[in-house]
Amino acid sequence: MKPPAAENASIAAGALAALGASTCCVLPLALVTVGLGGAWIAQLRAMEQFFPLFVGIAIAAFAYAFYRLYLRPAACAPGEACADPTTRRRQRIAFWITLIGAKALIASPYVYAALAN
């Protein structure tokens, strides 16, 4: 089995890092919304100290994905899956959708703080 393309891996890493950045604020709200609750949810607030680290990882991962998708695309041999233009288009669509979602997750603590005041 072939390893995932660098573009796909960096998009996934950026999305996971953005999810990690929002663990302190969005994840507890989402868990309560679906009916999961308990005292352990309050412990997720301790993840807030890692917010800058997760944001930095997300920015780096998305920057690398942008670099690989737009500035220096990988060379493909004829007949490989990446040689098909629809593959690159799907990767770019996935990149932008994931980037917008990640930006929303990263901005959520700031939006929540503005709405709470």
PDB file of N, CA and C in Angstrom:
ATOM      1  N   MET A   1       0.844  -1.181   0.000  1.00  0.00           N
ATOM      2  CA  MET A   1       0.000   0.000   0.000  1.00  0.00           C
ATOM      3  C   MET A   1       0.888   1.243   0.000  1.00  0.00           C
ATOM      4  N   LYS A   2       0.558   2.189  -0.870  1.00  0.00           N
ATOM      5  CA  LYS A   2       1.336   3.411  -0.972  1.00  0.00           C
ATOM      6  C   LYS A   2       0.986   4.361   0.169  1.00  0.00           C
ATOM      7  N   PRO A   3       1.983   5.095   0.685  1.00  0.00           N
ATOM      8  CA  PRO A   3       1.682   6.095   1.709  1.00  0.00           C
ATOM      9  C   PRO A   3       0.865   7.231   1.086  1.00  0.00           C
ATOM     10  N   PRO A   4       0.098   7.948   1.912  1.00  0.00           N
ATOM     11  CA  PRO A   4      -0.687   9.060   1.357  1.00  0.00           C
ATOM     12  C   PRO A   4       0.220  10.149   0.816  1.00  0.00           C
ATOM     13  N   ALA A   5      -0.277  10.863  -0.153  1.00  0.00           N
ATOM     14  CA  ALA A   5       0.490  11.970  -0.734  1.00  0.00           C
ATOM     15  C   ALA A   5       0.769  13.014   0.338  1.00  0.00           C
ATOM     16  N   ALA A   6       1.867  13.733   0.161  1.00  0.00           N
ATOM     17  CA  ALA A   6       2.242  14.757   1.137  1.00  0.00           C
ATOM     18  C   ALA A   6       1.149  15.810   1.275  1.00  0.00           C
ATOM     19  N   GLU A   7       0.467  16.099   0.174  1.00  0.00           N
ATOM     20  CA  GLU A   7      -0.607  17.088   0.226  1.00  0.00           C
ATOM     21  C   GLU A   7      -1.742  16.600   1.127  1.00  0.00           C
ATOM     22  N   ASN A   8      -2.149  15.351   0.946  1.00  0.00           N
ATOM     23  CA  ASN A   8      -3.241  14.799   1.747  1.00  0.00           C
ATOM     24  C   ASN A   8      -2.858  14.718   3.222  1.00  0.00           C
ATOM     25  N   ALA A   9      -1.635  14.299   3.482  1.00  0.00           N
ATOM     26  CA  ALA A   9      -1.190  14.181   4.870  1.00  0.00           C
ATOM     27  C   ALA A   9      -1.116  15.536   5.556  1.00  0.00           C
ATOM     28  N   SER A  10      -0.654  16.557   4.854  1.00  0.00           N
ATOM     29  CA  SER A  10      -0.552  17.872   5.482  1.00  0.00           C
ATOM     30  C   SER A  10      -1.928  18.514   5.669  1.00  0.00           C
ATOM     31  N   ILE A  11      -2.859  18.248   4.779  1.00  0.00           N
ATOM     32  CA  ILE A  11      -4.229  18.739   4.966  1.00  0.00           C
ATOM     33  C   ILE A  11      -4.841  18.094   6.200  1.00  0.00           C
ATOM     34  N   ALA A  12      -4.658  16.786   6.346  1.00  0.00           N
ATOM     35  CA  ALA A  12      -5.190  16.082   7.515  1.00  0.00           C
ATOM     36  C   ALA A  12      -4.522  16.564   8.799  1.00  0.00           C
ATOM     37  N   ALA A  13      -3.212  16.798   8.762  1.00  0.00           N
ATOM     38  CA  ALA A  13      -2.500  17.290   9.940  1.00  0.00           C
ATOM     39  C   ALA A  13      -2.990  18.678  10.337  1.00  0.00           C
ATOM     40  N   GLY A  14      -3.235  19.534   9.367  1.00  0.00           N
ATOM     41  CA  GLY A  14      -3.759  20.868   9.659  1.00  0.00           C
ATOM     42  C   GLY A  14      -5.140  20.812  10.283  1.00  0.00           C
ATOM     43  N   ALA A  15      -5.980  19.933   9.771  1.00  0.00           N
ATOM     44  CA  ALA A  15      -7.335  19.797  10.326  1.00  0.00           C
ATOM     45  C   ALA A  15      -7.284  19.260  11.750  1.00  0.00           C
ATOM     46  N   LEU A  16      -6.447  18.269  12.007  1.00  0.00           N
ATOM     47  CA  LEU A  16      -6.335  17.728  13.360  1.00  0.00           C
ATOM     48  C   LEU A  16      -5.742  18.739  14.323  1.00  0.00           C
ATOM     49  N   ALA A  17      -4.780  19.525  13.874  1.00  0.00           N
ATOM     50  CA  ALA A  17      -4.205  20.550  14.738  1.00  0.00           C
ATOM     51  C   ALA A  17      -5.235  21.636  15.063  1.00  0.00           C
ATOM     52  N   ALA A  18      -6.053  22.005  14.093  1.00  0.00           N
ATOM     53  CA  ALA A  18      -7.106  22.996  14.351  1.00  0.00           C
ATOM     54  C   ALA A  18      -8.132  22.438  15.328  1.00  0.00           C
ATOM     55  N   LEU A  19      -8.440  21.159  15.200  1.00  0.00           N
ATOM     56  CA  LEU A  19      -9.359  20.522  16.148  1.00  0.00           C
ATOM     57  C   LEU A  19      -8.739  20.515  17.542  1.00  0.00           C
ATOM     58  N   GLY A  20      -7.443  20.247  17.618  1.00  0.00           N
ATOM     59  CA  GLY A  20      -6.761  20.293  18.907  1.00  0.00           C
ATOM     60  C   GLY A  20      -6.763  21.689  19.504  1.00  0.00           C
ATOM     61  N   ALA A  21      -6.632  22.705  18.661  1.00  0.00           N
ATOM     62  CA  ALA A  21      -6.646  24.081  19.154  1.00  0.00           C
ATOM     63  C   ALA A  21      -8.005  24.463  19.727  1.00  0.00           C
ATOM     64  N   SER A  22      -9.052  23.863  19.211  1.00  0.00           N
ATOM     65  CA  SER A  22     -10.397  24.208  19.685  1.00  0.00           C
ATOM     66  C   SER A  22     -10.884  23.292  20.784  1.00  0.00           C
ATOM     67  N   THR A  23     -10.037  22.395  21.283  1.00  0.00           N
ATOM     68  CA  THR A  23     -10.440  21.437  22.308  1.00  0.00           C
ATOM     69  C   THR A  23     -10.944  22.126  23.566  1.00  0.00           C
ATOM     70  N   CYS A  24     -10.364  23.259  23.905  1.00  0.00           N
ATOM     71  CA  CYS A  24     -10.748  23.935  25.140  1.00  0.00           C
ATOM     72  C   CYS A  24     -12.141  24.543  25.069  1.00  0.00           C
ATOM     73  N   CYS A  25     -12.618  24.868  23.892  1.00  0.00           N
ATOM     74  CA  CYS A  25     -13.851  25.637  23.795  1.00  0.00           C
ATOM     75  C   CYS A  25     -14.949  24.958  22.981  1.00  0.00           C
ATOM     76  N   VAL A  26     -14.633  24.503  21.779  1.00  0.00           N
ATOM     77  CA  VAL A  26     -15.651  23.964  20.885  1.00  0.00           C
ATOM     78  C   VAL A  26     -15.999  22.529  21.238  1.00  0.00           C
ATOM     79  N   LEU A  27     -15.007  21.710  21.564  1.00  0.00           N
ATOM     80  CA  LEU A  27     -15.257  20.301  21.837  1.00  0.00           C
ATOM     81  C   LEU A  27     -16.201  20.091  23.019  1.00  0.00           C
ATOM     82  N   PRO A  28     -16.025  20.776  24.164  1.00  0.00           N
ATOM     83  CA  PRO A  28     -16.997  20.591  25.248  1.00  0.00           C
ATOM     84  C   PRO A  28     -18.413  20.985  24.842  1.00  0.00           C
ATOM     85  N   LEU A  29     -18.545  22.057  24.085  1.00  0.00           N
ATOM     86  CA  LEU A  29     -19.868  22.476  23.625  1.00  0.00           C
ATOM     87  C   LEU A  29     -20.485  21.436  22.701  1.00  0.00           C
ATOM     88  N   ALA A  30     -19.682  20.888  21.803  1.00  0.00           N
ATOM     89  CA  ALA A  30     -20.178  19.866  20.880  1.00  0.00           C
ATOM     90  C   ALA A  30     -20.568  18.600  21.631  1.00  0.00           C
ATOM     91  N   LEU A  31     -19.791  18.207  22.631  1.00  0.00           N
ATOM     92  CA  LEU A  31     -20.116  17.007  23.399  1.00  0.00           C
ATOM     93  C   LEU A  31     -21.408  17.173  24.193  1.00  0.00           C
ATOM     94  N   VAL A  32     -21.592  18.327  24.788  1.00  0.00           N
ATOM     95  CA  VAL A  32     -22.827  18.588  25.529  1.00  0.00           C
ATOM     96  C   VAL A  32     -24.016  18.633  24.576  1.00  0.00           C
ATOM     97  N   THR A  33     -23.823  19.165  23.395  1.00  0.00           N
ATOM     98  CA  THR A  33     -24.900  19.251  22.412  1.00  0.00           C
ATOM     99  C   THR A  33     -25.393  17.874  21.995  1.00  0.00           C
ATOM    100  N   VAL A  34     -24.487  16.910  21.872  1.00  0.00           N
ATOM    101  CA  VAL A  34     -24.906  15.567  21.470  1.00  0.00           C
ATOM    102  C   VAL A  34     -25.320  14.707  22.655  1.00  0.00           C
ATOM    103  N   GLY A  35     -25.303  15.265  23.848  1.00  0.00           N
ATOM    104  CA  GLY A  35     -25.827  14.558  25.004  1.00  0.00           C
ATOM    105  C   GLY A  35     -24.782  13.940  25.913  1.00  0.00           C
ATOM    106  N   LEU A  36     -23.523  14.126  25.612  1.00  0.00           N
ATOM    107  CA  LEU A  36     -22.479  13.612  26.487  1.00  0.00           C
ATOM    108  C   LEU A  36     -22.129  14.671  27.510  1.00  0.00           C
ATOM    109  N   GLY A  37     -22.048  14.275  28.739  1.00  0.00           N
ATOM    110  CA  GLY A  37     -21.739  15.246  29.764  1.00  0.00           C
ATOM    111  C   GLY A  37     -21.036  14.587  30.922  1.00  0.00           C
ATOM    112  N   GLY A  38     -20.686  15.385  31.869  1.00  0.00           N
ATOM    113  CA  GLY A  38     -20.010  14.878  33.045  1.00  0.00           C
ATOM    114  C   GLY A  38     -18.953  15.855  33.508  1.00  0.00           C
ATOM    115  N   ALA A  39     -18.403  15.542  34.666  1.00  0.00           N
ATOM    116  CA  ALA A  39     -17.387  16.417  35.238  1.00  0.00           C
ATOM    117  C   ALA A  39     -16.097  16.396  34.427  1.00  0.00           C
ATOM    118  N   TRP A  40     -15.861  15.333  33.695  1.00  0.00           N
ATOM    119  CA  TRP A  40     -14.623  15.213  32.926  1.00  0.00           C
ATOM    120  C   TRP A  40     -14.542  16.234  31.805  1.00  0.00           C
ATOM    121  N   ILE A  41     -15.683  16.750  31.355  1.00  0.00           N
ATOM    122  CA  ILE A  41     -15.661  17.738  30.274  1.00  0.00           C
ATOM    123  C   ILE A  41     -14.984  19.026  30.735  1.00  0.00           C
ATOM    124  N   ALA A  42     -15.125  19.341  32.003  1.00  0.00           N
ATOM    125  CA  ALA A  42     -14.477  20.545  32.529  1.00  0.00           C
ATOM    126  C   ALA A  42     -12.957  20.419  32.480  1.00  0.00           C
ATOM    127  N   GLN A  43     -12.453  19.203  32.490  1.00  0.00           N
ATOM    128  CA  GLN A  43     -11.006  18.990  32.437  1.00  0.00           C
ATOM    129  C   GLN A  43     -10.413  19.350  31.072  1.00  0.00           C
ATOM    130  N   LEU A  44     -11.250  19.413  30.042  1.00  0.00           N
ATOM    131  CA  LEU A  44     -10.758  19.777  28.721  1.00  0.00           C
ATOM    132  C   LEU A  44     -10.261  21.221  28.679  1.00  0.00           C
ATOM    133  N   ARG A  45     -10.668  22.013  29.623  1.00  0.00           N
ATOM    134  CA  ARG A  45     -10.217  23.400  29.704  1.00  0.00           C
ATOM    135  C   ARG A  45      -8.703  23.484  29.918  1.00  0.00           C
ATOM    136  N   ALA A  46      -8.124  22.419  30.460  1.00  0.00           N
ATOM    137  CA  ALA A  46      -6.681  22.390  30.691  1.00  0.00           C
ATOM    138  C   ALA A  46      -5.901  22.390  29.378  1.00  0.00           C
ATOM    139  N   MET A  47      -6.525  22.028  28.283  1.00  0.00           N
ATOM    140  CA  MET A  47      -5.869  22.017  26.976  1.00  0.00           C
ATOM    141  C   MET A  47      -5.648  23.424  26.425  1.00  0.00           C
ATOM    142  N   GLU A  48      -6.210  24.429  27.082  1.00  0.00           N
ATOM    143  CA  GLU A  48      -6.101  25.799  26.588  1.00  0.00           C
ATOM    144  C   GLU A  48      -4.660  26.280  26.528  1.00  0.00           C
ATOM    145  N   GLN A  49      -3.809  25.751  27.377  1.00  0.00           N
ATOM    146  CA  GLN A  49      -2.411  26.187  27.379  1.00  0.00           C
ATOM    147  C   GLN A  49      -1.666  25.751  26.119  1.00  0.00           C
ATOM    148  N   PHE A  50      -2.195  24.756  25.408  1.00  0.00           N
ATOM    149  CA  PHE A  50      -1.562  24.279  24.187  1.00  0.00           C
ATOM    150  C   PHE A  50      -2.129  24.927  22.925  1.00  0.00           C
ATOM    151  N   PHE A  51      -3.021  25.884  23.081  1.00  0.00           N
ATOM    152  CA  PHE A  51      -3.660  26.545  21.944  1.00  0.00           C
ATOM    153  C   PHE A  51      -2.644  27.128  20.962  1.00  0.00           C
ATOM    154  N   PRO A  52      -1.651  27.909  21.415  1.00  0.00           N
ATOM    155  CA  PRO A  52      -0.683  28.468  20.444  1.00  0.00           C
ATOM    156  C   PRO A  52       0.113  27.385  19.707  1.00  0.00           C
ATOM    157  N   LEU A  53       0.440  26.312  20.379  1.00  0.00           N
ATOM    158  CA  LEU A  53       1.173  25.222  19.736  1.00  0.00           C
ATOM    159  C   LEU A  53       0.342  24.592  18.625  1.00  0.00           C
ATOM    160  N   PHE A  54      -0.916  24.294  18.910  1.00  0.00           N
ATOM    161  CA  PHE A  54      -1.793  23.703  17.897  1.00  0.00           C
ATOM    162  C   PHE A  54      -2.016  24.647  16.725  1.00  0.00           C
ATOM    163  N   VAL A  55      -2.167  25.926  17.001  1.00  0.00           N
ATOM    164  CA  VAL A  55      -2.346  26.907  15.925  1.00  0.00           C
ATOM    165  C   VAL A  55      -1.104  26.963  15.044  1.00  0.00           C
ATOM    166  N   GLY A  56       0.062  26.946  15.656  1.00  0.00           N
ATOM    167  CA  GLY A  56       1.303  26.950  14.888  1.00  0.00           C
ATOM    168  C   GLY A  56       1.448  25.716  14.007  1.00  0.00           C
ATOM    169  N   ILE A  57       1.092  24.559  14.547  1.00  0.00           N
ATOM    170  CA  ILE A  57       1.152  23.321  13.762  1.00  0.00           C
ATOM    171  C   ILE A  57       0.166  23.383  12.600  1.00  0.00           C
ATOM    172  N   ALA A  58      -1.030  23.897  12.859  1.00  0.00           N
ATOM    173  CA  ALA A  58      -2.040  24.001  11.799  1.00  0.00           C
ATOM    174  C   ALA A  58      -1.574  24.943  10.693  1.00  0.00           C
ATOM    175  N   ILE A  59      -1.007  26.075  11.061  1.00  0.00           N
ATOM    176  CA  ILE A  59      -0.524  27.030  10.061  1.00  0.00           C
ATOM    177  C   ILE A  59       0.596  26.411   9.230  1.00  0.00           C
ATOM    178  N   ALA A  60       1.524  25.731   9.893  1.00  0.00           N
ATOM    179  CA  ALA A  60       2.630  25.098   9.174  1.00  0.00           C
ATOM    180  C   ALA A  60       2.131  24.008   8.226  1.00  0.00           C
ATOM    181  N   ALA A  61       1.178  23.205   8.680  1.00  0.00           N
ATOM    182  CA  ALA A  61       0.667  22.121   7.843  1.00  0.00           C
ATOM    183  C   ALA A  61      -0.086  22.661   6.630  1.00  0.00           C
ATOM    184  N   PHE A  62      -0.902  23.661   6.836  1.00  0.00           N
ATOM    185  CA  PHE A  62      -1.633  24.232   5.700  1.00  0.00           C
ATOM    186  C   PHE A  62      -0.701  24.990   4.756  1.00  0.00           C
ATOM    187  N   ALA A  63       0.327  25.627   5.291  1.00  0.00           N
ATOM    188  CA  ALA A  63       1.299  26.305   4.425  1.00  0.00           C
ATOM    189  C   ALA A  63       2.033  25.286   3.555  1.00  0.00           C
ATOM    190  N   TYR A  64       2.393  24.149   4.125  1.00  0.00           N
ATOM    191  CA  TYR A  64       3.071  23.119   3.340  1.00  0.00           C
ATOM    192  C   TYR A  64       2.126  22.536   2.290  1.00  0.00           C
ATOM    193  N   ALA A  65       0.871  22.335   2.656  1.00  0.00           N
ATOM    194  CA  ALA A  65      -0.103  21.826   1.675  1.00  0.00           C
ATOM    195  C   ALA A  65      -0.280  22.820   0.534  1.00  0.00           C
ATOM    196  N   PHE A  66      -0.354  24.106   0.847  1.00  0.00           N
ATOM    197  CA  PHE A  66      -0.472  25.127  -0.191  1.00  0.00           C
ATOM    198  C   PHE A  66       0.749  25.110  -1.103  1.00  0.00           C
ATOM    199  N   TYR A  67       1.919  24.989  -0.493  1.00  0.00           N
ATOM    200  CA  TYR A  67       3.160  24.931  -1.260  1.00  0.00           C
ATOM    201  C   TYR A  67       3.143  23.751  -2.222  1.00  0.00           C
ATOM    202  N   ARG A  68       2.716  22.584  -1.741  1.00  0.00           N
ATOM    203  CA  ARG A  68       2.712  21.383  -2.584  1.00  0.00           C
ATOM    204  C   ARG A  68       1.592  21.399  -3.625  1.00  0.00           C
ATOM    205  N   LEU A  69       0.500  22.066  -3.323  1.00  0.00           N
ATOM    206  CA  LEU A  69      -0.628  22.080  -4.273  1.00  0.00           C
ATOM    207  C   LEU A  69      -0.492  23.161  -5.337  1.00  0.00           C
ATOM    208  N   TYR A  70       0.071  24.309  -4.989  1.00  0.00           N
ATOM    209  CA  TYR A  70       0.070  25.438  -5.914  1.00  0.00           C
ATOM    210  C   TYR A  70       1.466  25.858  -6.382  1.00  0.00           C
ATOM    211  N   LEU A  71       2.438  25.890  -5.499  1.00  0.00           N
ATOM    212  CA  LEU A  71       3.742  26.425  -5.868  1.00  0.00           C
ATOM    213  C   LEU A  71       4.673  25.373  -6.470  1.00  0.00           C
ATOM    214  N   ARG A  72       4.758  24.219  -5.873  1.00  0.00           N
ATOM    215  CA  ARG A  72       5.632  23.139  -6.354  1.00  0.00           C
ATOM    216  C   ARG A  72       4.882  21.810  -6.359  1.00  0.00           C
ATOM    217  N   PRO A  73       3.981  21.607  -7.301  1.00  0.00           N
ATOM    218  CA  PRO A  73       3.284  20.323  -7.351  1.00  0.00           C
ATOM    219  C   PRO A  73       4.266  19.182  -7.639  1.00  0.00           C
ATOM    220  N   ALA A  74       3.984  18.037  -7.081  1.00  0.00           N
ATOM    221  CA  ALA A  74       4.843  16.867  -7.290  1.00  0.00           C
ATOM    222  C   ALA A  74       4.724  16.395  -8.731  1.00  0.00           C
ATOM    223  N   ALA A  75       5.842  15.966  -9.281  1.00  0.00           N
ATOM    224  CA  ALA A  75       5.833  15.427 -10.635  1.00  0.00           C
ATOM    225  C   ALA A  75       5.210  14.035 -10.623  1.00  0.00           C
ATOM    226  N   CYS A  76       4.405  13.752 -11.628  1.00  0.00           N
ATOM    227  CA  CYS A  76       3.722  12.465 -11.711  1.00  0.00           C
ATOM    228  C   CYS A  76       4.096  11.769 -13.009  1.00  0.00           C
ATOM    229  N   ALA A  77       4.275  10.486 -12.902  1.00  0.00           N
ATOM    230  CA  ALA A  77       4.508   9.685 -14.102  1.00  0.00           C
ATOM    231  C   ALA A  77       3.165   9.419 -14.775  1.00  0.00           C
ATOM    232  N   PRO A  78       3.143   9.311 -16.095  1.00  0.00           N
ATOM    233  CA  PRO A  78       1.881   9.014 -16.774  1.00  0.00           C
ATOM    234  C   PRO A  78       1.303   7.685 -16.283  1.00  0.00           C
ATOM    235  N   GLY A  79       0.008   7.682 -16.086  1.00  0.00           N
ATOM    236  CA  GLY A  79      -0.677   6.479 -15.635  1.00  0.00           C
ATOM    237  C   GLY A  79      -0.888   6.426 -14.133  1.00  0.00           C
ATOM    238  N   GLU A  80      -0.221   7.269 -13.354  1.00  0.00           N
ATOM    239  CA  GLU A  80      -0.443   7.301 -11.911  1.00  0.00           C
ATOM    240  C   GLU A  80      -1.698   8.101 -11.609  1.00  0.00           C
ATOM    241  N   ALA A  81      -2.213   7.908 -10.412  1.00  0.00           N
ATOM    242  CA  ALA A  81      -3.449   8.597 -10.028  1.00  0.00           C
ATOM    243  C   ALA A  81      -3.263  10.107 -10.005  1.00  0.00           C
ATOM    244  N   CYS A  82      -2.080  10.565  -9.615  1.00  0.00           N
ATOM    245  CA  CYS A  82      -1.869  12.013  -9.530  1.00  0.00           C
ATOM    246  C   CYS A  82      -1.740  12.664 -10.900  1.00  0.00           C
ATOM    247  N   ALA A  83      -1.560  11.884 -11.950  1.00  0.00           N
ATOM    248  CA  ALA A  83      -1.467  12.443 -13.301  1.00  0.00           C
ATOM    249  C   ALA A  83      -2.834  12.901 -13.806  1.00  0.00           C
ATOM    250  N   ASP A  84      -3.890  12.399 -13.216  1.00  0.00           N
ATOM    251  CA  ASP A  84      -5.249  12.785 -13.598  1.00  0.00           C
ATOM    252  C   ASP A  84      -5.543  14.178 -13.026  1.00  0.00           C
ATOM    253  N   PRO A  85      -5.957  15.144 -13.849  1.00  0.00           N
ATOM    254  CA  PRO A  85      -6.197  16.503 -13.339  1.00  0.00           C
ATOM    255  C   PRO A  85      -7.328  16.574 -12.317  1.00  0.00           C
ATOM    256  N   THR A  86      -8.251  15.636 -12.340  1.00  0.00           N
ATOM    257  CA  THR A  86      -9.339  15.681 -11.354  1.00  0.00           C
ATOM    258  C   THR A  86      -8.816  15.382  -9.951  1.00  0.00           C
ATOM    259  N   THR A  87      -7.743  14.612  -9.852  1.00  0.00           N
ATOM    260  CA  THR A  87      -7.167  14.327  -8.539  1.00  0.00           C
ATOM    261  C   THR A  87      -6.631  15.599  -7.905  1.00  0.00           C
ATOM    262  N   ARG A  88      -5.887  16.378  -8.677  1.00  0.00           N
ATOM    263  CA  ARG A  88      -5.337  17.637  -8.157  1.00  0.00           C
ATOM    264  C   ARG A  88      -6.467  18.609  -7.818  1.00  0.00           C
ATOM    265  N   ARG A  89      -7.506  18.649  -8.637  1.00  0.00           N
ATOM    266  CA  ARG A  89      -8.637  19.541  -8.365  1.00  0.00           C
ATOM    267  C   ARG A  89      -9.339  19.131  -7.071  1.00  0.00           C
ATOM    268  N   ARG A  90      -9.524  17.837  -6.862  1.00  0.00           N
ATOM    269  CA  ARG A  90     -10.162  17.369  -5.628  1.00  0.00           C
ATOM    270  C   ARG A  90      -9.304  17.701  -4.409  1.00  0.00           C
ATOM    271  N   GLN A  91      -7.997  17.567  -4.543  1.00  0.00           N
ATOM    272  CA  GLN A  91      -7.117  17.920  -3.436  1.00  0.00           C
ATOM    273  C   GLN A  91      -7.211  19.404  -3.114  1.00  0.00           C
ATOM    274  N   ARG A  92      -7.295  20.228  -4.142  1.00  0.00           N
ATOM    275  CA  ARG A  92      -7.404  21.676  -3.906  1.00  0.00           C
ATOM    276  C   ARG A  92      -8.746  22.035  -3.273  1.00  0.00           C
ATOM    277  N   ILE A  93      -9.808  21.395  -3.698  1.00  0.00           N
ATOM    278  CA  ILE A  93     -11.121  21.631  -3.085  1.00  0.00           C
ATOM    279  C   ILE A  93     -11.103  21.195  -1.632  1.00  0.00           C
ATOM    280  N   ALA A  94     -10.530  20.020  -1.361  1.00  0.00           N
ATOM    281  CA  ALA A  94     -10.426  19.540   0.020  1.00  0.00           C
ATOM    282  C   ALA A  94      -9.574  20.487   0.856  1.00  0.00           C
ATOM    283  N   PHE A  95      -8.517  21.023   0.260  1.00  0.00           N
ATOM    284  CA  PHE A  95      -7.654  21.970   0.967  1.00  0.00           C
ATOM    285  C   PHE A  95      -8.447  23.191   1.407  1.00  0.00           C
ATOM    286  N   TRP A  96      -9.177  23.813   0.493  1.00  0.00           N
ATOM    287  CA  TRP A  96      -9.898  25.045   0.830  1.00  0.00           C
ATOM    288  C   TRP A  96     -11.038  24.799   1.804  1.00  0.00           C
ATOM    289  N   ILE A  97     -11.754  23.708   1.649  1.00  0.00           N
ATOM    290  CA  ILE A  97     -12.838  23.400   2.589  1.00  0.00           C
ATOM    291  C   ILE A  97     -12.280  23.160   3.982  1.00  0.00           C
ATOM    292  N   THR A  98     -11.206  22.389   4.053  1.00  0.00           N
ATOM    293  CA  THR A  98     -10.600  22.095   5.345  1.00  0.00           C
ATOM    294  C   THR A  98      -9.993  23.353   5.965  1.00  0.00           C
ATOM    295  N   LEU A  99      -9.389  24.201   5.147  1.00  0.00           N
ATOM    296  CA  LEU A  99      -8.811  25.440   5.659  1.00  0.00           C
ATOM    297  C   LEU A  99      -9.881  26.355   6.248  1.00  0.00           C
ATOM    298  N   ILE A 100     -11.006  26.471   5.570  1.00  0.00           N
ATOM    299  CA  ILE A 100     -12.098  27.312   6.090  1.00  0.00           C
ATOM    300  C   ILE A 100     -12.631  26.751   7.403  1.00  0.00           C
ATOM    301  N   GLY A 101     -12.802  25.440   7.463  1.00  0.00           N
ATOM    302  CA  GLY A 101     -13.250  24.814   8.716  1.00  0.00           C
ATOM    303  C   GLY A 101     -12.244  24.999   9.837  1.00  0.00           C
ATOM    304  N   ALA A 102     -10.959  24.874   9.518  1.00  0.00           N
ATOM    305  CA  ALA A 102      -9.919  25.051  10.527  1.00  0.00           C
ATOM    306  C   ALA A 102      -9.888  26.495  11.030  1.00  0.00           C
ATOM    307  N   LYS A 103     -10.053  27.440  10.124  1.00  0.00           N
ATOM    308  CA  LYS A 103     -10.078  28.848  10.538  1.00  0.00           C
ATOM    309  C   LYS A 103     -11.254  29.112  11.478  1.00  0.00           C
ATOM    310  N   ALA A 104     -12.388  28.492  11.192  1.00  0.00           N
ATOM    311  CA  ALA A 104     -13.547  28.661  12.071  1.00  0.00           C
ATOM    312  C   ALA A 104     -13.277  28.058  13.450  1.00  0.00           C
ATOM    313  N   LEU A 105     -12.641  26.899  13.495  1.00  0.00           N
ATOM    314  CA  LEU A 105     -12.325  26.279  14.783  1.00  0.00           C
ATOM    315  C   LEU A 105     -11.311  27.097  15.569  1.00  0.00           C
ATOM    316  N   ILE A 106     -10.312  27.631  14.892  1.00  0.00           N
ATOM    317  CA  ILE A 106      -9.287  28.417  15.579  1.00  0.00           C
ATOM    318  C   ILE A 106      -9.850  29.750  16.055  1.00  0.00           C
ATOM    319  N   ALA A 107     -10.753  30.338  15.297  1.00  0.00           N
ATOM    320  CA  ALA A 107     -11.333  31.628  15.675  1.00  0.00           C
ATOM    321  C   ALA A 107     -12.432  31.501  16.720  1.00  0.00           C
ATOM    322  N   SER A 108     -12.938  30.306  16.948  1.00  0.00           N
ATOM    323  CA  SER A 108     -14.084  30.138  17.839  1.00  0.00           C
ATOM    324  C   SER A 108     -13.859  30.655  19.255  1.00  0.00           C
ATOM    325  N   PRO A 109     -12.694  30.485  19.891  1.00  0.00           N
ATOM    326  CA  PRO A 109     -12.538  31.061  21.234  1.00  0.00           C
ATOM    327  C   PRO A 109     -12.660  32.580  21.247  1.00  0.00           C
ATOM    328  N   TYR A 110     -12.162  33.222  20.200  1.00  0.00           N
ATOM    329  CA  TYR A 110     -12.233  34.674  20.137  1.00  0.00           C
ATOM    330  C   TYR A 110     -13.667  35.153  19.879  1.00  0.00           C
ATOM    331  N   VAL A 111     -14.358  34.442  19.024  1.00  0.00           N
ATOM    332  CA  VAL A 111     -15.758  34.794  18.745  1.00  0.00           C
ATOM    333  C   VAL A 111     -16.609  34.575  20.002  1.00  0.00           C
ATOM    334  N   TYR A 112     -16.381  33.474  20.681  1.00  0.00           N
ATOM    335  CA  TYR A 112     -17.117  33.186  21.896  1.00  0.00           C
ATOM    336  C   TYR A 112     -16.858  34.248  22.961  1.00  0.00           C
ATOM    337  N   ALA A 113     -15.599  34.670  23.100  1.00  0.00           N
ATOM    338  CA  ALA A 113     -15.270  35.705  24.097  1.00  0.00           C
ATOM    339  C   ALA A 113     -15.930  37.031  23.739  1.00  0.00           C
ATOM    340  N   ALA A 114     -16.004  37.355  22.452  1.00  0.00           N
ATOM    341  CA  ALA A 114     -16.632  38.603  22.036  1.00  0.00           C
ATOM    342  C   ALA A 114     -18.144  38.565  22.278  1.00  0.00           C
ATOM    343  N   LEU A 115     -18.756  37.410  22.063  1.00  0.00           N
ATOM    344  CA  LEU A 115     -20.194  37.288  22.267  1.00  0.00           C
ATOM    345  C   LEU A 115     -20.556  37.231  23.747  1.00  0.00           C
ATOM    346  N   ALA A 116     -19.658  36.737  24.593  1.00  0.00           N
ATOM    347  CA  ALA A 116     -19.934  36.619  26.019  1.00  0.00           C
ATOM    348  C   ALA A 116     -19.897  37.975  26.714  1.00  0.00           C
ATOM    349  N   ASN A 117     -19.188  38.927  26.131  1.00  0.00           N
ATOM    350  CA  ASN A 117     -19.092  40.258  26.780  1.00  0.00           C
ATOM    351  C   ASN A 117     -20.238  41.115  26.438  1.00  0.00           C
TER     352      ASN A 117
END
